[in-house]
Amino acid sequence: EHSTEHIYNEIAYPLVEGVVEGYNGTIFAYGQTGSGKSFTMQGVADPSSQKGIIPRAFEYIFESVQCAENTKFLLRASYLEIYNEDIRDLLGADTKQKLE
């Protein structure tokens, strides 16, 4: 019943804000197939209220990095799928390749 904007603001934003402050953060989406995990994480570009957690978090992080003065940042992100005990890197060149 909630938009991805609402979910981001209530759940993910505090975590992302902590990441910008130097803490590690993880968002773990768990549930049955078809329950909306991928949509919540990725969303759609239009309407903007339905952008997912990932694009919203990246926007906030890169905005924060751009505005910071006299500070160095190292950003590392991973987007993994665990399904039937197989792990895949969804940001990798071959998203079908299983990781060890």
PDB file of N, CA and C in Angstrom:
ATOM      1  N   GLU A   1       0.809  -1.198   0.000  1.00  0.00           N
ATOM      2  CA  GLU A   1       0.000   0.000   0.000  1.00  0.00           C
ATOM      3  C   GLU A   1       0.853   1.264   0.000  1.00  0.00           C
ATOM      4  N   HIS A   2       2.159   1.143   0.236  1.00  0.00           N
ATOM      5  CA  HIS A   2       3.026   2.314   0.309  1.00  0.00           C
ATOM      6  C   HIS A   2       3.858   2.460  -0.949  1.00  0.00           C
ATOM      7  N   SER A   3       4.212   3.683  -1.273  1.00  0.00           N
ATOM      8  CA  SER A   3       5.099   3.934  -2.408  1.00  0.00           C
ATOM      9  C   SER A   3       6.529   3.591  -2.014  1.00  0.00           C
ATOM     10  N   THR A   4       7.370   3.384  -3.017  1.00  0.00           N
ATOM     11  CA  THR A   4       8.778   3.118  -2.723  1.00  0.00           C
ATOM     12  C   THR A   4       9.415   4.350  -2.077  1.00  0.00           C
ATOM     13  N   GLU A   5       8.888   5.525  -2.361  1.00  0.00           N
ATOM     14  CA  GLU A   5       9.388   6.747  -1.725  1.00  0.00           C
ATOM     15  C   GLU A   5       9.171   6.673  -0.214  1.00  0.00           C
ATOM     16  N   HIS A   6       7.994   6.248   0.189  1.00  0.00           N
ATOM     17  CA  HIS A   6       7.679   6.117   1.612  1.00  0.00           C
ATOM     18  C   HIS A   6       8.572   5.065   2.270  1.00  0.00           C
ATOM     19  N   ILE A   7       8.739   3.942   1.599  1.00  0.00           N
ATOM     20  CA  ILE A   7       9.583   2.872   2.144  1.00  0.00           C
ATOM     21  C   ILE A   7      11.023   3.357   2.288  1.00  0.00           C
ATOM     22  N   TYR A   8      11.522   4.062   1.274  1.00  0.00           N
ATOM     23  CA  TYR A   8      12.884   4.585   1.348  1.00  0.00           C
ATOM     24  C   TYR A   8      13.021   5.548   2.526  1.00  0.00           C
ATOM     25  N   ASN A   9      12.116   6.498   2.622  1.00  0.00           N
ATOM     26  CA  ASN A   9      12.206   7.511   3.678  1.00  0.00           C
ATOM     27  C   ASN A   9      12.126   6.906   5.082  1.00  0.00           C
ATOM     28  N   GLU A  10      11.284   5.926   5.259  1.00  0.00           N
ATOM     29  CA  GLU A  10      11.076   5.347   6.587  1.00  0.00           C
ATOM     30  C   GLU A  10      12.126   4.309   6.966  1.00  0.00           C
ATOM     31  N   ILE A  11      12.592   3.535   6.003  1.00  0.00           N
ATOM     32  CA  ILE A  11      13.450   2.397   6.326  1.00  0.00           C
ATOM     33  C   ILE A  11      14.885   2.588   5.865  1.00  0.00           C
ATOM     34  N   ALA A  12      15.077   2.953   4.607  1.00  0.00           N
ATOM     35  CA  ALA A  12      16.430   2.966   4.033  1.00  0.00           C
ATOM     36  C   ALA A  12      17.189   4.264   4.302  1.00  0.00           C
ATOM     37  N   TYR A  13      16.513   5.399   4.306  1.00  0.00           N
ATOM     38  CA  TYR A  13      17.209   6.680   4.441  1.00  0.00           C
ATOM     39  C   TYR A  13      18.099   6.757   5.688  1.00  0.00           C
ATOM     40  N   PRO A  14      17.625   6.346   6.866  1.00  0.00           N
ATOM     41  CA  PRO A  14      18.517   6.409   8.033  1.00  0.00           C
ATOM     42  C   PRO A  14      19.784   5.567   7.850  1.00  0.00           C
ATOM     43  N   LEU A  15      19.654   4.435   7.208  1.00  0.00           N
ATOM     44  CA  LEU A  15      20.811   3.583   6.950  1.00  0.00           C
ATOM     45  C   LEU A  15      21.766   4.253   5.959  1.00  0.00           C
ATOM     46  N   VAL A  16      21.232   4.811   4.893  1.00  0.00           N
ATOM     47  CA  VAL A  16      22.051   5.475   3.871  1.00  0.00           C
ATOM     48  C   VAL A  16      22.755   6.689   4.469  1.00  0.00           C
ATOM     49  N   GLU A  17      22.070   7.410   5.319  1.00  0.00           N
ATOM     50  CA  GLU A  17      22.675   8.561   5.993  1.00  0.00           C
ATOM     51  C   GLU A  17      23.862   8.100   6.853  1.00  0.00           C
ATOM     52  N   GLY A  18      23.725   6.965   7.517  1.00  0.00           N
ATOM     53  CA  GLY A  18      24.820   6.401   8.292  1.00  0.00           C
ATOM     54  C   GLY A  18      25.995   5.995   7.417  1.00  0.00           C
ATOM     55  N   VAL A  19      25.709   5.498   6.232  1.00  0.00           N
ATOM     56  CA  VAL A  19      26.768   5.130   5.289  1.00  0.00           C
ATOM     57  C   VAL A  19      27.580   6.362   4.909  1.00  0.00           C
ATOM     58  N   VAL A  20      26.910   7.466   4.660  1.00  0.00           N
ATOM     59  CA  VAL A  20      27.607   8.712   4.310  1.00  0.00           C
ATOM     60  C   VAL A  20      28.486   9.173   5.474  1.00  0.00           C
ATOM     61  N   GLU A  21      28.099   8.843   6.697  1.00  0.00           N
ATOM     62  CA  GLU A  21      28.879   9.210   7.874  1.00  0.00           C
ATOM     63  C   GLU A  21      30.029   8.235   8.140  1.00  0.00           C
ATOM     64  N   GLY A  22      30.134   7.167   7.330  1.00  0.00           N
ATOM     65  CA  GLY A  22      31.269   6.259   7.445  1.00  0.00           C
ATOM     66  C   GLY A  22      30.966   4.872   7.959  1.00  0.00           C
ATOM     67  N   TYR A  23      29.715   4.571   8.199  1.00  0.00           N
ATOM     68  CA  TYR A  23      29.343   3.242   8.682  1.00  0.00           C
ATOM     69  C   TYR A  23      29.002   2.335   7.500  1.00  0.00           C
ATOM     70  N   ASN A  24      29.186   1.035   7.686  1.00  0.00           N
ATOM     71  CA  ASN A  24      28.754   0.071   6.678  1.00  0.00           C
ATOM     72  C   ASN A  24      27.248  -0.086   6.779  1.00  0.00           C
ATOM     73  N   GLY A  25      26.625  -0.404   5.664  1.00  0.00           N
ATOM     74  CA  GLY A  25      25.183  -0.592   5.672  1.00  0.00           C
ATOM     75  C   GLY A  25      24.770  -1.701   4.739  1.00  0.00           C
ATOM     76  N   THR A  26      23.726  -2.406   5.110  1.00  0.00           N
ATOM     77  CA  THR A  26      23.188  -3.485   4.287  1.00  0.00           C
ATOM     78  C   THR A  26      21.672  -3.391   4.285  1.00  0.00           C
ATOM     79  N   ILE A  27      21.105  -3.533   3.114  1.00  0.00           N
ATOM     80  CA  ILE A  27      19.653  -3.658   2.992  1.00  0.00           C
ATOM     81  C   ILE A  27      19.411  -5.058   2.468  1.00  0.00           C
ATOM     82  N   PHE A  28      18.685  -5.851   3.227  1.00  0.00           N
ATOM     83  CA  PHE A  28      18.443  -7.252   2.903  1.00  0.00           C
ATOM     84  C   PHE A  28      16.968  -7.410   2.594  1.00  0.00           C
ATOM     85  N   ALA A  29      16.649  -7.681   1.332  1.00  0.00           N
ATOM     86  CA  ALA A  29      15.254  -7.881   0.928  1.00  0.00           C
ATOM     87  C   ALA A  29      14.987  -9.380   0.874  1.00  0.00           C
ATOM     88  N   TYR A  30      14.042  -9.838   1.651  1.00  0.00           N
ATOM     89  CA  TYR A  30      13.771 -11.261   1.775  1.00  0.00           C
ATOM     90  C   TYR A  30      12.276 -11.498   1.620  1.00  0.00           C
ATOM     91  N   GLY A  31      11.927 -12.532   0.900  1.00  0.00           N
ATOM     92  CA  GLY A  31      10.517 -12.869   0.780  1.00  0.00           C
ATOM     93  C   GLY A  31      10.256 -13.818  -0.362  1.00  0.00           C
ATOM     94  N   GLN A  32       9.004 -14.189  -0.507  1.00  0.00           N
ATOM     95  CA  GLN A  32       8.596 -15.123  -1.542  1.00  0.00           C
ATOM     96  C   GLN A  32       8.786 -14.511  -2.927  1.00  0.00           C
ATOM     97  N   THR A  33       8.936 -15.385  -3.915  1.00  0.00           N
ATOM     98  CA  THR A  33       8.982 -14.951  -5.303  1.00  0.00           C
ATOM     99  C   THR A  33       7.696 -14.188  -5.618  1.00  0.00           C
ATOM    100  N   GLY A  34       7.860 -13.037  -6.254  1.00  0.00           N
ATOM    101  CA  GLY A  34       6.702 -12.233  -6.639  1.00  0.00           C
ATOM    102  C   GLY A  34       6.175 -11.317  -5.563  1.00  0.00           C
ATOM    103  N   SER A  35       6.886 -11.205  -4.438  1.00  0.00           N
ATOM    104  CA  SER A  35       6.375 -10.379  -3.340  1.00  0.00           C
ATOM    105  C   SER A  35       6.770  -8.906  -3.458  1.00  0.00           C
ATOM    106  N   GLY A  36       7.612  -8.545  -4.441  1.00  0.00           N
ATOM    107  CA  GLY A  36       7.935  -7.138  -4.656  1.00  0.00           C
ATOM    108  C   GLY A  36       9.331  -6.716  -4.233  1.00  0.00           C
ATOM    109  N   LYS A  37      10.214  -7.656  -3.954  1.00  0.00           N
ATOM    110  CA  LYS A  37      11.573  -7.316  -3.509  1.00  0.00           C
ATOM    111  C   LYS A  37      12.329  -6.524  -4.577  1.00  0.00           C
ATOM    112  N   SER A  38      12.353  -7.044  -5.806  1.00  0.00           N
ATOM    113  CA  SER A  38      13.090  -6.370  -6.888  1.00  0.00           C
ATOM    114  C   SER A  38      12.484  -5.006  -7.184  1.00  0.00           C
ATOM    115  N   PHE A  39      11.162  -4.923  -7.202  1.00  0.00           N
ATOM    116  CA  PHE A  39      10.520  -3.634  -7.462  1.00  0.00           C
ATOM    117  C   PHE A  39      10.870  -2.635  -6.375  1.00  0.00           C
ATOM    118  N   THR A  40      10.849  -3.056  -5.138  1.00  0.00           N
ATOM    119  CA  THR A  40      11.180  -2.165  -4.038  1.00  0.00           C
ATOM    120  C   THR A  40      12.626  -1.688  -4.147  1.00  0.00           C
ATOM    121  N   MET A  41      13.523  -2.569  -4.524  1.00  0.00           N
ATOM    122  CA  MET A  41      14.933  -2.204  -4.629  1.00  0.00           C
ATOM    123  C   MET A  41      15.230  -1.380  -5.879  1.00  0.00           C
ATOM    124  N   GLN A  42      14.651  -1.738  -7.032  1.00  0.00           N
ATOM    125  CA  GLN A  42      14.944  -1.059  -8.293  1.00  0.00           C
ATOM    126  C   GLN A  42      13.903  -0.009  -8.656  1.00  0.00           C
ATOM    127  N   GLY A  43      12.648  -0.356  -8.521  1.00  0.00           N
ATOM    128  CA  GLY A  43      11.570   0.545  -8.878  1.00  0.00           C
ATOM    129  C   GLY A  43      11.500   0.803 -10.363  1.00  0.00           C
ATOM    130  N   VAL A  44      10.827   1.886 -10.713  1.00  0.00           N
ATOM    131  CA  VAL A  44      10.733   2.342 -12.105  1.00  0.00           C
ATOM    132  C   VAL A  44      11.048   3.832 -12.126  1.00  0.00           C
ATOM    133  N   ALA A  45      11.535   4.315 -13.255  1.00  0.00           N
ATOM    134  CA  ALA A  45      11.950   5.719 -13.355  1.00  0.00           C
ATOM    135  C   ALA A  45      10.757   6.677 -13.365  1.00  0.00           C
ATOM    136  N   ASP A  46       9.633   6.246 -13.937  1.00  0.00           N
ATOM    137  CA  ASP A  46       8.490   7.147 -14.068  1.00  0.00           C
ATOM    138  C   ASP A  46       7.239   6.439 -13.585  1.00  0.00           C
ATOM    139  N   PRO A  47       6.527   6.946 -12.637  1.00  0.00           N
ATOM    140  CA  PRO A  47       6.694   8.228 -11.958  1.00  0.00           C
ATOM    141  C   PRO A  47       7.840   8.174 -10.948  1.00  0.00           C
ATOM    142  N   SER A  48       8.411   9.313 -10.678  1.00  0.00           N
ATOM    143  CA  SER A  48       9.576   9.373  -9.790  1.00  0.00           C
ATOM    144  C   SER A  48       9.251   8.890  -8.374  1.00  0.00           C
ATOM    145  N   SER A  49       8.000   8.931  -7.989  1.00  0.00           N
ATOM    146  CA  SER A  49       7.629   8.440  -6.656  1.00  0.00           C
ATOM    147  C   SER A  49       7.825   6.930  -6.547  1.00  0.00           C
ATOM    148  N   GLN A  50       8.016   6.246  -7.678  1.00  0.00           N
ATOM    149  CA  GLN A  50       8.202   4.800  -7.677  1.00  0.00           C
ATOM    150  C   GLN A  50       9.630   4.379  -7.987  1.00  0.00           C
ATOM    151  N   LYS A  51      10.596   5.342  -7.907  1.00  0.00           N
ATOM    152  CA  LYS A  51      11.999   4.951  -7.989  1.00  0.00           C
ATOM    153  C   LYS A  51      12.291   4.070  -6.786  1.00  0.00           C
ATOM    154  N   GLY A  52      13.149   3.084  -6.973  1.00  0.00           N
ATOM    155  CA  GLY A  52      13.435   2.147  -5.906  1.00  0.00           C
ATOM    156  C   GLY A  52      14.453   2.666  -4.900  1.00  0.00           C
ATOM    157  N   ILE A  53      14.752   1.827  -3.939  1.00  0.00           N
ATOM    158  CA  ILE A  53      15.706   2.171  -2.889  1.00  0.00           C
ATOM    159  C   ILE A  53      17.096   2.416  -3.471  1.00  0.00           C
ATOM    160  N   ILE A  54      17.526   1.584  -4.411  1.00  0.00           N
ATOM    161  CA  ILE A  54      18.882   1.711  -4.958  1.00  0.00           C
ATOM    162  C   ILE A  54      19.091   3.058  -5.647  1.00  0.00           C
ATOM    163  N   PRO A  55      18.260   3.453  -6.615  1.00  0.00           N
ATOM    164  CA  PRO A  55      18.504   4.765  -7.239  1.00  0.00           C
ATOM    165  C   PRO A  55      18.394   5.928  -6.252  1.00  0.00           C
ATOM    166  N   ARG A  56      17.489   5.840  -5.304  1.00  0.00           N
ATOM    167  CA  ARG A  56      17.364   6.911  -4.302  1.00  0.00           C
ATOM    168  C   ARG A  56      18.622   6.993  -3.431  1.00  0.00           C
ATOM    169  N   ALA A  57      19.116   5.832  -3.009  1.00  0.00           N
ATOM    170  CA  ALA A  57      20.318   5.804  -2.173  1.00  0.00           C
ATOM    171  C   ALA A  57      21.514   6.339  -2.940  1.00  0.00           C
ATOM    172  N   PHE A  58      21.682   5.912  -4.195  1.00  0.00           N
ATOM    173  CA  PHE A  58      22.808   6.392  -5.002  1.00  0.00           C
ATOM    174  C   PHE A  58      22.739   7.900  -5.193  1.00  0.00           C
ATOM    175  N   GLU A  59      21.550   8.423  -5.473  1.00  0.00           N
ATOM    176  CA  GLU A  59      21.398   9.879  -5.631  1.00  0.00           C
ATOM    177  C   GLU A  59      21.863  10.599  -4.361  1.00  0.00           C
ATOM    178  N   TYR A  60      21.403  10.125  -3.220  1.00  0.00           N
ATOM    179  CA  TYR A  60      21.748  10.769  -1.953  1.00  0.00           C
ATOM    180  C   TYR A  60      23.245  10.674  -1.680  1.00  0.00           C
ATOM    181  N   ILE A  61      23.818   9.492  -1.884  1.00  0.00           N
ATOM    182  CA  ILE A  61      25.245   9.300  -1.612  1.00  0.00           C
ATOM    183  C   ILE A  61      26.092  10.183  -2.515  1.00  0.00           C
ATOM    184  N   PHE A  62      25.825  10.182  -3.818  1.00  0.00           N
ATOM    185  CA  PHE A  62      26.637  10.969  -4.738  1.00  0.00           C
ATOM    186  C   PHE A  62      26.447  12.467  -4.533  1.00  0.00           C
ATOM    187  N   GLU A  63      25.254  12.879  -4.160  1.00  0.00           N
ATOM    188  CA  GLU A  63      25.016  14.284  -3.802  1.00  0.00           C
ATOM    189  C   GLU A  63      25.854  14.671  -2.583  1.00  0.00           C
ATOM    190  N   SER A  64      25.869  13.815  -1.583  1.00  0.00           N
ATOM    191  CA  SER A  64      26.633  14.077  -0.365  1.00  0.00           C
ATOM    192  C   SER A  64      28.127  14.142  -0.643  1.00  0.00           C
ATOM    193  N   VAL A  65      28.620  13.227  -1.476  1.00  0.00           N
ATOM    194  CA  VAL A  65      30.035  13.208  -1.832  1.00  0.00           C
ATOM    195  C   VAL A  65      30.407  14.490  -2.581  1.00  0.00           C
ATOM    196  N   GLN A  66      29.551  14.897  -3.484  1.00  0.00           N
ATOM    197  CA  GLN A  66      29.810  16.096  -4.283  1.00  0.00           C
ATOM    198  C   GLN A  66      29.850  17.353  -3.410  1.00  0.00           C
ATOM    199  N   CYS A  67      29.056  17.398  -2.376  1.00  0.00           N
ATOM    200  CA  CYS A  67      28.982  18.580  -1.513  1.00  0.00           C
ATOM    201  C   CYS A  67      30.061  18.604  -0.430  1.00  0.00           C
ATOM    202  N   ALA A  68      30.667  17.469  -0.155  1.00  0.00           N
ATOM    203  CA  ALA A  68      31.655  17.379   0.936  1.00  0.00           C
ATOM    204  C   ALA A  68      32.964  18.056   0.522  1.00  0.00           C
ATOM    205  N   GLU A  69      33.546  18.784   1.462  1.00  0.00           N
ATOM    206  CA  GLU A  69      34.822  19.438   1.222  1.00  0.00           C
ATOM    207  C   GLU A  69      35.882  18.807   2.112  1.00  0.00           C
ATOM    208  N   ASN A  70      37.101  18.699   1.590  1.00  0.00           N
ATOM    209  CA  ASN A  70      38.242  18.158   2.329  1.00  0.00           C
ATOM    210  C   ASN A  70      37.972  16.767   2.897  1.00  0.00           C
ATOM    211  N   THR A  71      37.249  15.968   2.156  1.00  0.00           N
ATOM    212  CA  THR A  71      36.917  14.619   2.591  1.00  0.00           C
ATOM    213  C   THR A  71      37.095  13.665   1.419  1.00  0.00           C
ATOM    214  N   LYS A  72      37.664  12.495   1.692  1.00  0.00           N
ATOM    215  CA  LYS A  72      37.793  11.466   0.672  1.00  0.00           C
ATOM    216  C   LYS A  72      36.782  10.368   0.953  1.00  0.00           C
ATOM    217  N   PHE A  73      36.231   9.823  -0.095  1.00  0.00           N
ATOM    218  CA  PHE A  73      35.253   8.749   0.040  1.00  0.00           C
ATOM    219  C   PHE A  73      35.697   7.552  -0.779  1.00  0.00           C
ATOM    220  N   LEU A  74      35.456   6.369  -0.268  1.00  0.00           N
ATOM    221  CA  LEU A  74      35.603   5.130  -1.012  1.00  0.00           C
ATOM    222  C   LEU A  74      34.233   4.475  -1.001  1.00  0.00           C
ATOM    223  N   LEU A  75      33.643   4.345  -2.168  1.00  0.00           N
ATOM    224  CA  LEU A  75      32.309   3.763  -2.280  1.00  0.00           C
ATOM    225  C   LEU A  75      32.417   2.386  -2.901  1.00  0.00           C
ATOM    226  N   ARG A  76      31.775   1.425  -2.295  1.00  0.00           N
ATOM    227  CA  ARG A  76      31.726   0.076  -2.831  1.00  0.00           C
ATOM    228  C   ARG A  76      30.296  -0.412  -2.654  1.00  0.00           C
ATOM    229  N   ALA A  77      29.723  -0.908  -3.734  1.00  0.00           N
ATOM    230  CA  ALA A  77      28.352  -1.409  -3.674  1.00  0.00           C
ATOM    231  C   ALA A  77      28.289  -2.789  -4.292  1.00  0.00           C
ATOM    232  N   SER A  78      27.441  -3.626  -3.749  1.00  0.00           N
ATOM    233  CA  SER A  78      27.185  -4.925  -4.352  1.00  0.00           C
ATOM    234  C   SER A  78      25.676  -5.156  -4.344  1.00  0.00           C
ATOM    235  N   TYR A  79      25.240  -5.906  -5.312  1.00  0.00           N
ATOM    236  CA  TYR A  79      23.820  -6.222  -5.458  1.00  0.00           C
ATOM    237  C   TYR A  79      23.764  -7.709  -5.771  1.00  0.00           C
ATOM    238  N   LEU A  80      23.491  -8.501  -4.755  1.00  0.00           N
ATOM    239  CA  LEU A  80      23.551  -9.952  -4.876  1.00  0.00           C
ATOM    240  C   LEU A  80      22.161 -10.557  -4.830  1.00  0.00           C
ATOM    241  N   GLU A  81      22.021 -11.656  -5.557  1.00  0.00           N
ATOM    242  CA  GLU A  81      20.802 -12.450  -5.502  1.00  0.00           C
ATOM    243  C   GLU A  81      21.175 -13.813  -4.945  1.00  0.00           C
ATOM    244  N   ILE A  82      20.449 -14.248  -3.940  1.00  0.00           N
ATOM    245  CA  ILE A  82      20.619 -15.596  -3.400  1.00  0.00           C
ATOM    246  C   ILE A  82      19.309 -16.325  -3.662  1.00  0.00           C
ATOM    247  N   TYR A  83      19.385 -17.338  -4.495  1.00  0.00           N
ATOM    248  CA  TYR A  83      18.178 -18.068  -4.878  1.00  0.00           C
ATOM    249  C   TYR A  83      18.522 -19.541  -5.001  1.00  0.00           C
ATOM    250  N   ASN A  84      17.792 -20.398  -4.302  1.00  0.00           N
ATOM    251  CA  ASN A  84      18.065 -21.839  -4.302  1.00  0.00           C
ATOM    252  C   ASN A  84      19.530 -22.140  -3.993  1.00  0.00           C
ATOM    253  N   GLU A  85      20.076 -21.450  -3.034  1.00  0.00           N
ATOM    254  CA  GLU A  85      21.449 -21.619  -2.573  1.00  0.00           C
ATOM    255  C   GLU A  85      22.498 -21.227  -3.616  1.00  0.00           C
ATOM    256  N   ASP A  86      22.085 -20.567  -4.688  1.00  0.00           N
ATOM    257  CA  ASP A  86      23.013 -20.028  -5.688  1.00  0.00           C
ATOM    258  C   ASP A  86      23.123 -18.525  -5.478  1.00  0.00           C
ATOM    259  N   ILE A  87      24.334 -17.998  -5.596  1.00  0.00           N
ATOM    260  CA  ILE A  87      24.574 -16.563  -5.411  1.00  0.00           C
ATOM    261  C   ILE A  87      25.003 -15.977  -6.743  1.00  0.00           C
ATOM    262  N   ARG A  88      24.379 -14.861  -7.133  1.00  0.00           N
ATOM    263  CA  ARG A  88      24.726 -14.172  -8.368  1.00  0.00           C
ATOM    264  C   ARG A  88      24.982 -12.702  -8.070  1.00  0.00           C
ATOM    265  N   ASP A  89      25.956 -12.134  -8.778  1.00  0.00           N
ATOM    266  CA  ASP A  89      26.265 -10.708  -8.671  1.00  0.00           C
ATOM    267  C   ASP A  89      25.463  -9.985  -9.738  1.00  0.00           C
ATOM    268  N   LEU A  90      24.448  -9.256  -9.339  1.00  0.00           N
ATOM    269  CA  LEU A  90      23.564  -8.594 -10.290  1.00  0.00           C
ATOM    270  C   LEU A  90      24.177  -7.323 -10.879  1.00  0.00           C
ATOM    271  N   LEU A  91      25.343  -6.896 -10.385  1.00  0.00           N
ATOM    272  CA  LEU A  91      26.057  -5.767 -10.980  1.00  0.00           C
ATOM    273  C   LEU A  91      27.220  -6.238 -11.852  1.00  0.00           C
ATOM    274  N   GLY A  92      27.455  -7.536 -11.892  1.00  0.00           N
ATOM    275  CA  GLY A  92      28.563  -8.091 -12.662  1.00  0.00           C
ATOM    276  C   GLY A  92      28.268  -8.118 -14.152  1.00  0.00           C
ATOM    277  N   ALA A  93      29.298  -8.421 -14.927  1.00  0.00           N
ATOM    278  CA  ALA A  93      29.171  -8.475 -16.387  1.00  0.00           C
ATOM    279  C   ALA A  93      28.215  -9.584 -16.820  1.00  0.00           C
ATOM    280  N   ASP A  94      28.254 -10.722 -16.139  1.00  0.00           N
ATOM    281  CA  ASP A  94      27.389 -11.860 -16.464  1.00  0.00           C
ATOM    282  C   ASP A  94      26.531 -12.181 -15.246  1.00  0.00           C
ATOM    283  N   THR A  95      25.320 -11.685 -15.247  1.00  0.00           N
ATOM    284  CA  THR A  95      24.446 -11.853 -14.074  1.00  0.00           C
ATOM    285  C   THR A  95      23.953 -13.284 -13.912  1.00  0.00           C
ATOM    286  N   LYS A  96      24.165 -14.133 -14.913  1.00  0.00           N
ATOM    287  CA  LYS A  96      23.754 -15.549 -14.829  1.00  0.00           C
ATOM    288  C   LYS A  96      24.848 -16.403 -14.182  1.00  0.00           C
ATOM    289  N   GLN A  97      26.069 -15.879 -14.111  1.00  0.00           N
ATOM    290  CA  GLN A  97      27.184 -16.650 -13.556  1.00  0.00           C
ATOM    291  C   GLN A  97      27.032 -16.757 -12.047  1.00  0.00           C
ATOM    292  N   LYS A  98      27.186 -17.965 -11.535  1.00  0.00           N
ATOM    293  CA  LYS A  98      27.071 -18.214 -10.104  1.00  0.00           C
ATOM    294  C   LYS A  98      28.400 -17.895  -9.435  1.00  0.00           C
ATOM    295  N   LEU A  99      28.347 -17.330  -8.248  1.00  0.00           N
ATOM    296  CA  LEU A  99      29.549 -17.060  -7.461  1.00  0.00           C
ATOM    297  C   LEU A  99      29.837 -18.244  -6.564  1.00  0.00           C
ATOM    298  N   GLU A 100      31.067 -18.402  -6.201  1.00  0.00           N
ATOM    299  CA  GLU A 100      31.451 -19.486  -5.289  1.00  0.00           C
ATOM    300  C   GLU A 100      31.210 -19.068  -3.862  1.00  0.00           C
TER     301      GLU A 100
END
